[in-house]
C-alpha atoms as a PDB file:
ATOM      1  CA  MET A   1      28.091  14.391  41.860  1.00  0.00           C
ATOM      2  CA  VAL A   2      29.783  11.432  41.212  1.00  0.00           C
ATOM      3  CA  LYS A   3      26.576   9.440  42.133  1.00  0.00           C
ATOM      4  CA  LEU A   4      24.437  12.071  40.488  1.00  0.00           C
ATOM      5  CA  GLU A   5      26.254  11.572  37.478  1.00  0.00           C
ATOM      6  CA  ARG A   6      25.663   7.589  37.276  1.00  0.00           C
ATOM      7  CA  LEU A   7      21.919   7.775  38.221  1.00  0.00           C
ATOM      8  CA  SER A   8      21.685   9.565  35.488  1.00  0.00           C
ATOM      9  CA  SER A   9      24.084   7.414  32.757  1.00  0.00           C
ATOM     10  CA  GLU A  10      21.469   5.039  34.196  1.00  0.00           C
ATOM     11  CA  ALA A  11      18.240   6.933  33.731  1.00  0.00           C
ATOM     12  CA  GLU A  12      19.420   7.541  30.152  1.00  0.00           C
ATOM     13  CA  ASN A  13      20.506   3.623  29.426  1.00  0.00           C
ATOM     14  CA  LEU A  14      16.827   2.628  30.840  1.00  0.00           C
ATOM     15  CA  ARG A  15      15.330   4.841  28.644  1.00  0.00           C
ATOM     16  CA  ARG A  16      17.326   4.032  25.761  1.00  0.00           C
ATOM     17  CA  ARG A  17      16.440   0.575  26.482  1.00  0.00           C
ATOM     18  CA  LEU A  18      12.215   1.098  26.678  1.00  0.00           C
ATOM     19  CA  PHE A  19      12.562   2.516  23.642  1.00  0.00           C
ATOM     20  CA  ASP A  20      14.221  -0.062  21.923  1.00  0.00           C
ATOM     21  CA  LEU A  21      11.870  -2.755  23.158  1.00  0.00           C
ATOM     22  CA  ARG A  22       8.727  -0.215  22.232  1.00  0.00           C
ATOM     23  CA  GLU A  23      10.567  -0.530  18.531  1.00  0.00           C
ATOM     24  CA  ILE A  24      10.756  -4.364  18.759  1.00  0.00           C
ATOM     25  CA  GLU A  25       6.756  -4.575  20.298  1.00  0.00           C
ATOM     26  CA  GLN A  26       5.676  -2.318  17.423  1.00  0.00           C
ATOM     27  CA  GLU A  27       7.719  -4.261  14.851  1.00  0.00           C
ATOM     28  CA  ASN A  28       6.233  -8.417  16.562  1.00  0.00           C
ATOM     29  CA  LEU A  29       2.935  -7.130  16.336  1.00  0.00           C
ATOM     30  CA  ARG A  30       3.329  -6.075  12.734  1.00  0.00           C
ATOM     31  CA  LEU A  31       5.426  -9.511  11.540  1.00  0.00           C
ATOM     32  CA  LYS A  32       2.401 -11.319  13.694  1.00  0.00           C
ATOM     33  CA  SER A  33       0.046  -9.688  11.831  1.00  0.00           C
ATOM     34  CA  ILE A  34       0.861 -10.558   8.410  1.00  0.00           C
ATOM     35  CA  LEU A  35       2.087 -14.295   9.252  1.00  0.00           C
ATOM     36  CA  ASN A  36      -1.670 -14.253  10.370  1.00  0.00           C
ATOM     37  CA  PHE A  37      -2.968 -13.269   7.176  1.00  0.00           C
ATOM     38  CA  LYS A  38      -0.279 -15.983   5.142  1.00  0.00           C
ATOM     39  CA  GLN A  39      -2.343 -18.358   7.245  1.00  0.00           C
ATOM     40  CA  ARG A  40      -6.196 -17.401   6.642  1.00  0.00           C
ATOM     41  CA  SER A  41      -5.319 -16.033   2.799  1.00  0.00           C
ATOM     42  CA  PRO A  42      -5.843 -17.994  -0.261  1.00  0.00           C
ATOM     43  CA  LEU A  43      -2.578 -16.188  -2.394  1.00  0.00           C
ATOM     44  CA  ARG A  44       0.402 -17.472  -2.881  1.00  0.00           C
ATOM     45  CA  ILE A  45       2.564 -14.381  -1.167  1.00  0.00           C
ATOM     46  CA  ILE A  46       6.426 -13.369  -0.019  1.00  0.00           C
ATOM     47  CA  PRO A  47       6.976 -11.610   2.442  1.00  0.00           C
ATOM     48  CA  ALA A  48       9.553  -8.591   2.300  1.00  0.00           C
ATOM     49  CA  ARG A  49      10.910  -5.186   4.376  1.00  0.00           C
ATOM     50  CA  VAL A  50      11.013  -1.666   2.669  1.00  0.00           C
ATOM     51  CA  ILE A  51      14.285  -1.041   2.807  1.00  0.00           C
ATOM     52  CA  ALA A  52      14.371   2.403   0.836  1.00  0.00           C
ATOM     53  CA  ARG A  53      11.566   5.127  -0.773  1.00  0.00           C
ATOM     54  CA  SER A  54      11.363   7.345  -3.571  1.00  0.00           C
ATOM     55  CA  PRO A  55      13.779  10.350  -3.625  1.00  0.00           C
ATOM     56  CA  ASP A  56      11.887  12.673  -5.668  1.00  0.00           C
ATOM     57  CA  SER A  57       8.198  13.816  -5.524  1.00  0.00           C
ATOM     58  CA  TRP A  58       7.358  12.906  -8.930  1.00  0.00           C
ATOM     59  CA  SER A  59       7.218   9.045  -8.111  1.00  0.00           C
ATOM     60  CA  SER A  60       5.889   6.741  -5.327  1.00  0.00           C
ATOM     61  CA  SER A  61       7.986   3.740  -5.193  1.00  0.00           C
ATOM     62  CA  VAL A  62       9.825   1.900  -2.253  1.00  0.00           C
ATOM     63  CA  ILE A  63      12.543  -0.346  -2.449  1.00  0.00           C
ATOM     64  CA  ILE A  64      12.219  -3.997  -1.401  1.00  0.00           C
ATOM     65  CA  ASP A  65      14.463  -6.722   0.183  1.00  0.00           C
ATOM     66  CA  LYS A  66      13.573  -9.413  -2.091  1.00  0.00           C
ATOM     67  CA  GLY A  67      14.132  -9.850  -6.042  1.00  0.00           C
ATOM     68  CA  ARG A  68      14.591 -12.625  -8.548  1.00  0.00           C
ATOM     69  CA  ASP A  69      16.523 -14.959  -5.966  1.00  0.00           C
ATOM     70  CA  SER A  70      13.210 -15.155  -4.207  1.00  0.00           C
ATOM     71  CA  GLY A  71      11.186 -15.668  -7.214  1.00  0.00           C
ATOM     72  CA  ILE A  72       9.867 -11.933  -7.590  1.00  0.00           C
ATOM     73  CA  ARG A  73       9.617 -11.109 -10.960  1.00  0.00           C
ATOM     74  CA  THR A  74       8.764  -7.504 -12.411  1.00  0.00           C
ATOM     75  CA  GLY A  75       4.841  -6.839 -13.013  1.00  0.00           C
ATOM     76  CA  MET A  76       4.013  -8.848 -10.356  1.00  0.00           C
ATOM     77  CA  ALA A  77       1.641  -7.291  -8.057  1.00  0.00           C
ATOM     78  CA  VAL A  78       1.756  -5.623  -4.190  1.00  0.00           C
ATOM     79  CA  ILE A  79      -0.350  -5.838  -1.001  1.00  0.00           C
ATOM     80  CA  ASN A  80      -0.157  -5.550   2.441  1.00  0.00           C
ATOM     81  CA  THR A  81      -2.414  -6.524   5.300  1.00  0.00           C
ATOM     82  CA  GLN A  82      -4.395  -3.548   5.244  1.00  0.00           C
ATOM     83  CA  GLY A  83      -5.177  -3.761   1.042  1.00  0.00           C
ATOM     84  CA  LEU A  84      -3.450  -3.156  -2.391  1.00  0.00           C
ATOM     85  CA  VAL A  85       0.223  -1.448  -2.572  1.00  0.00           C
ATOM     86  CA  GLY A  86       1.289  -1.474  -6.159  1.00  0.00           C
ATOM     87  CA  ARG A  87       3.333  -3.959  -8.105  1.00  0.00           C
ATOM     88  CA  VAL A  88       6.774  -4.556  -9.112  1.00  0.00           C
ATOM     89  CA  ILE A  89       8.192  -2.854 -11.863  1.00  0.00           C
ATOM     90  CA  GLU A  90      11.815  -3.786 -11.464  1.00  0.00           C
ATOM     91  CA  SER A  91      13.534  -6.885  -9.629  1.00  0.00           C
ATOM     92  CA  SER A  92      17.074  -7.708  -9.188  1.00  0.00           C
ATOM     93  CA  GLY A  93      18.622 -10.661  -7.645  1.00  0.00           C
ATOM     94  CA  SER A  94      18.034  -8.943  -3.946  1.00  0.00           C
ATOM     95  CA  ASN A  95      15.514  -6.907  -4.224  1.00  0.00           C
ATOM     96  CA  SER A  96      12.959  -4.774  -6.181  1.00  0.00           C
ATOM     97  CA  LYS A  97      11.662  -1.471  -6.985  1.00  0.00           C
ATOM     98  CA  ILE A  98       7.581  -1.194  -6.135  1.00  0.00           C
ATOM     99  CA  LEU A  99       5.391   1.581  -7.696  1.00  0.00           C
ATOM    100  CA  LEU A 100       3.354   2.034  -5.325  1.00  0.00           C
ATOM    101  CA  ILE A 101      -0.627   2.953  -6.506  1.00  0.00           C
ATOM    102  CA  ASN A 102      -0.978   6.540  -5.706  1.00  0.00           C
ATOM    103  CA  ASP A 103       2.276   7.143  -8.443  1.00  0.00           C
ATOM    104  CA  PRO A 104       0.943   9.238 -11.292  1.00  0.00           C
ATOM    105  CA  SER A 105       1.437   6.934 -13.956  1.00  0.00           C
ATOM    106  CA  GLN A 106      -0.572   4.342 -11.926  1.00  0.00           C
ATOM    107  CA  GLY A 107      -4.021   2.885 -12.784  1.00  0.00           C
ATOM    108  CA  VAL A 108      -6.171   0.194 -11.120  1.00  0.00           C
ATOM    109  CA  SER A 109      -9.032  -1.467 -13.135  1.00  0.00           C
ATOM    110  CA  SER A 110     -11.226  -1.008 -10.106  1.00  0.00           C
ATOM    111  CA  ILE A 111     -14.800  -1.430  -8.906  1.00  0.00           C
ATOM    112  CA  VAL A 112     -17.274   0.373  -6.466  1.00  0.00           C
ATOM    113  CA  GLN A 113     -18.057  -3.096  -4.398  1.00  0.00           C
ATOM    114  CA  ARG A 114     -21.602  -2.281  -3.385  1.00  0.00           C
ATOM    115  CA  THR A 115     -22.568  -1.283  -7.015  1.00  0.00           C
ATOM    116  CA  ARG A 116     -19.997  -3.055  -9.473  1.00  0.00           C
ATOM    117  CA  GLN A 117     -19.540   0.508 -11.451  1.00  0.00           C
ATOM    118  CA  GLU A 118     -16.556   0.211 -12.704  1.00  0.00           C
ATOM    119  CA  GLY A 119     -13.566   2.997 -13.254  1.00  0.00           C
ATOM    120  CA  LEU A 120     -10.333   2.840 -13.714  1.00  0.00           C
ATOM    121  CA  ALA A 121      -8.202   4.811 -10.293  1.00  0.00           C
ATOM    122  CA  SER A 122      -5.330   6.121 -11.012  1.00  0.00           C
ATOM    123  CA  GLY A 123      -2.351   7.848  -8.738  1.00  0.00           C
ATOM    124  CA  SER A 124      -1.933  11.425  -8.117  1.00  0.00           C
ATOM    125  CA  LEU A 125       0.371  13.462  -6.311  1.00  0.00           C
ATOM    126  CA  GLY A 126      -1.397  13.449  -3.480  1.00  0.00           C
ATOM    127  CA  ALA A 127      -2.216  10.913  -1.080  1.00  0.00           C
ATOM    128  CA  ASN A 128      -4.986   9.681  -2.803  1.00  0.00           C
ATOM    129  CA  LEU A 129      -6.453   8.477  -5.887  1.00  0.00           C
ATOM    130  CA  ILE A 130      -8.976   9.813  -8.294  1.00  0.00           C
ATOM    131  CA  MET A 131     -11.045   7.174 -10.055  1.00  0.00           C
ATOM    132  CA  ARG A 132     -12.048   8.006 -13.563  1.00  0.00           C
ATOM    133  CA  TYR A 133     -14.310   6.697 -16.483  1.00  0.00           C
ATOM    134  CA  LEU A 134     -17.872   7.211 -13.801  1.00  0.00           C
ATOM    135  CA  PRO A 135     -21.172   7.835 -15.870  1.00  0.00           C
ATOM    136  CA  ALA A 136     -22.180  11.193 -14.848  1.00  0.00           C
ATOM    137  CA  ASP A 137     -25.454   9.005 -12.963  1.00  0.00           C
ATOM    138  CA  ALA A 138     -22.714   6.512 -10.910  1.00  0.00           C
ATOM    139  CA  GLN A 139     -24.316   4.655  -8.254  1.00  0.00           C
ATOM    140  CA  ILE A 140     -21.300   5.695  -5.736  1.00  0.00           C
ATOM    141  CA  ALA A 141     -21.681   7.510  -2.429  1.00  0.00           C
ATOM    142  CA  VAL A 142     -19.051   8.381   0.232  1.00  0.00           C
ATOM    143  CA  GLY A 143     -18.038   5.430   2.266  1.00  0.00           C
ATOM    144  CA  ASP A 144     -18.092   2.969  -0.532  1.00  0.00           C
ATOM    145  CA  ILE A 145     -15.292   0.644  -0.697  1.00  0.00           C
ATOM    146  CA  ILE A 146     -13.462   0.347  -3.881  1.00  0.00           C
ATOM    147  CA  ILE A 147     -11.877  -3.489  -5.080  1.00  0.00           C
ATOM    148  CA  THR A 148     -10.203  -4.441  -8.504  1.00  0.00           C
ATOM    149  CA  SER A 149     -12.261  -5.312 -10.704  1.00  0.00           C
ATOM    150  CA  GLU A 150     -11.504  -8.846 -12.917  1.00  0.00           C
ATOM    151  CA  LEU A 151     -10.109  -6.983 -16.205  1.00  0.00           C
ATOM    152  CA  SER A 152      -7.194  -6.113 -14.226  1.00  0.00           C
ATOM    153  CA  ARG A 153      -4.263  -8.602 -15.987  1.00  0.00           C
ATOM    154  CA  VAL A 154      -1.685  -7.037 -12.720  1.00  0.00           C
ATOM    155  CA  TYR A 155      -4.463  -7.437 -10.023  1.00  0.00           C
ATOM    156  CA  PRO A 156      -5.859 -10.753  -8.787  1.00  0.00           C
ATOM    157  CA  LYS A 157      -9.963  -9.479  -8.312  1.00  0.00           C
ATOM    158  CA  GLY A 158     -11.250  -8.458  -4.946  1.00  0.00           C
ATOM    159  CA  LEU A 159      -8.413  -6.963  -3.213  1.00  0.00           C
ATOM    160  CA  LEU A 160      -9.064  -3.647  -1.217  1.00  0.00           C
ATOM    161  CA  VAL A 161      -7.752  -0.208  -2.896  1.00  0.00           C
ATOM    162  CA  GLY A 162     -10.033   2.287  -0.812  1.00  0.00           C
ATOM    163  CA  THR A 163     -12.752   4.102   0.117  1.00  0.00           C
ATOM    164  CA  VAL A 164     -14.510   7.069  -1.490  1.00  0.00           C
ATOM    165  CA  VAL A 165     -14.138  10.317   0.344  1.00  0.00           C
ATOM    166  CA  ASN A 166     -15.459  12.841  -2.514  1.00  0.00           C
ATOM    167  CA  ILE A 167     -17.471  12.939  -5.666  1.00  0.00           C
ATOM    168  CA  GLY A 168     -17.224  15.581  -8.350  1.00  0.00           C
ATOM    169  CA  LYS A 169     -18.214  15.878 -11.764  1.00  0.00           C
ATOM    170  CA  GLU A 170     -15.659  15.767 -14.633  1.00  0.00           C
ATOM    171  CA  PHE A 171     -15.697  19.504 -16.913  1.00  0.00           C
ATOM    172  CA  SER A 172     -17.633  18.243 -19.668  1.00  0.00           C
ATOM    173  CA  GLY A 173     -20.343  17.213 -17.481  1.00  0.00           C
ATOM    174  CA  LEU A 174     -21.118  13.935 -18.955  1.00  0.00           C
ATOM    175  CA  SER A 175     -18.787  11.792 -16.516  1.00  0.00           C
ATOM    176  CA  CYS A 176     -18.320  11.936 -12.567  1.00  0.00           C
ATOM    177  CA  TYR A 177     -15.193  10.714 -10.811  1.00  0.00           C
ATOM    178  CA  ALA A 178     -14.579   9.644  -6.823  1.00  0.00           C
ATOM    179  CA  VAL A 179     -11.724  10.944  -4.801  1.00  0.00           C
ATOM    180  CA  VAL A 180     -10.435   7.687  -2.999  1.00  0.00           C
ATOM    181  CA  LYS A 181      -8.375   7.468   0.141  1.00  0.00           C
ATOM    182  CA  PRO A 182      -6.021   3.706  -0.778  1.00  0.00           C
ATOM    183  CA  ALA A 183      -6.294   1.543   2.109  1.00  0.00           C
ATOM    184  CA  VAL A 184      -2.525   1.345   2.862  1.00  0.00           C
ATOM    185  CA  LYS A 185      -0.836   4.512   4.454  1.00  0.00           C
ATOM    186  CA  LEU A 186       1.648   4.341   1.173  1.00  0.00           C
ATOM    187  CA  SER A 187       3.682   6.673   3.080  1.00  0.00           C
ATOM    188  CA  ASP A 188       4.490   4.612   6.243  1.00  0.00           C
ATOM    189  CA  ILE A 189       4.641   1.090   5.185  1.00  0.00           C
ATOM    190  CA  GLU A 190       7.521  -1.009   6.363  1.00  0.00           C
ATOM    191  CA  GLU A 191       6.364  -4.589   5.011  1.00  0.00           C
ATOM    192  CA  VAL A 192       4.511  -5.673   2.230  1.00  0.00           C
ATOM    193  CA  LEU A 193       3.109  -9.098   0.651  1.00  0.00           C
ATOM    194  CA  VAL A 194       4.579  -9.811  -3.474  1.00  0.00           C
ATOM    195  CA  ILE A 195       1.640 -11.874  -4.619  1.00  0.00           C
ATOM    196  CA  ILE A 196       2.872 -14.702  -6.510  1.00  0.00           C
ATOM    197  CA  PRO A 197       0.748 -15.952  -9.998  1.00  0.00           C
END
């Protein structure tokens, strides 16, 4: 009986160690991806970890573990290796608050990469963005890539915003809109890159 308990305890310890090793491996892969991106990118960036998320369902924000002491200021754009994440809205000495692009109060001046049609990609209460102010005859299709435009004062031109997953007509019939799935799965981000202008 004692031997069985000892073996059961050892098996549990091995399971925990295996879990820990898998978690370390996942983190290692993410950090390698960030390092490779940083080395290839012409942007000046500061990597940071997400340490907290917004507790309410009316806003989409995260807290990162870097702030003014690391050179991060309010208004800076935030990305990760997949695309646009949001912008810094508050910064203290050691951490910063990031408003994610899917927040209802957020808007990103954007263009359709293929046709250069301009619009404003805004957050919604769901996971997707809504790109508005498109003319009724806009040349836009499901699958089109949406990037930041040069009209944005916050975001550098050409950052990947997402992909069009649906198109609809506004109630007035005078314009249309596109539903855009963000390139970044915002609910799962663990590390980000803050762009230094």
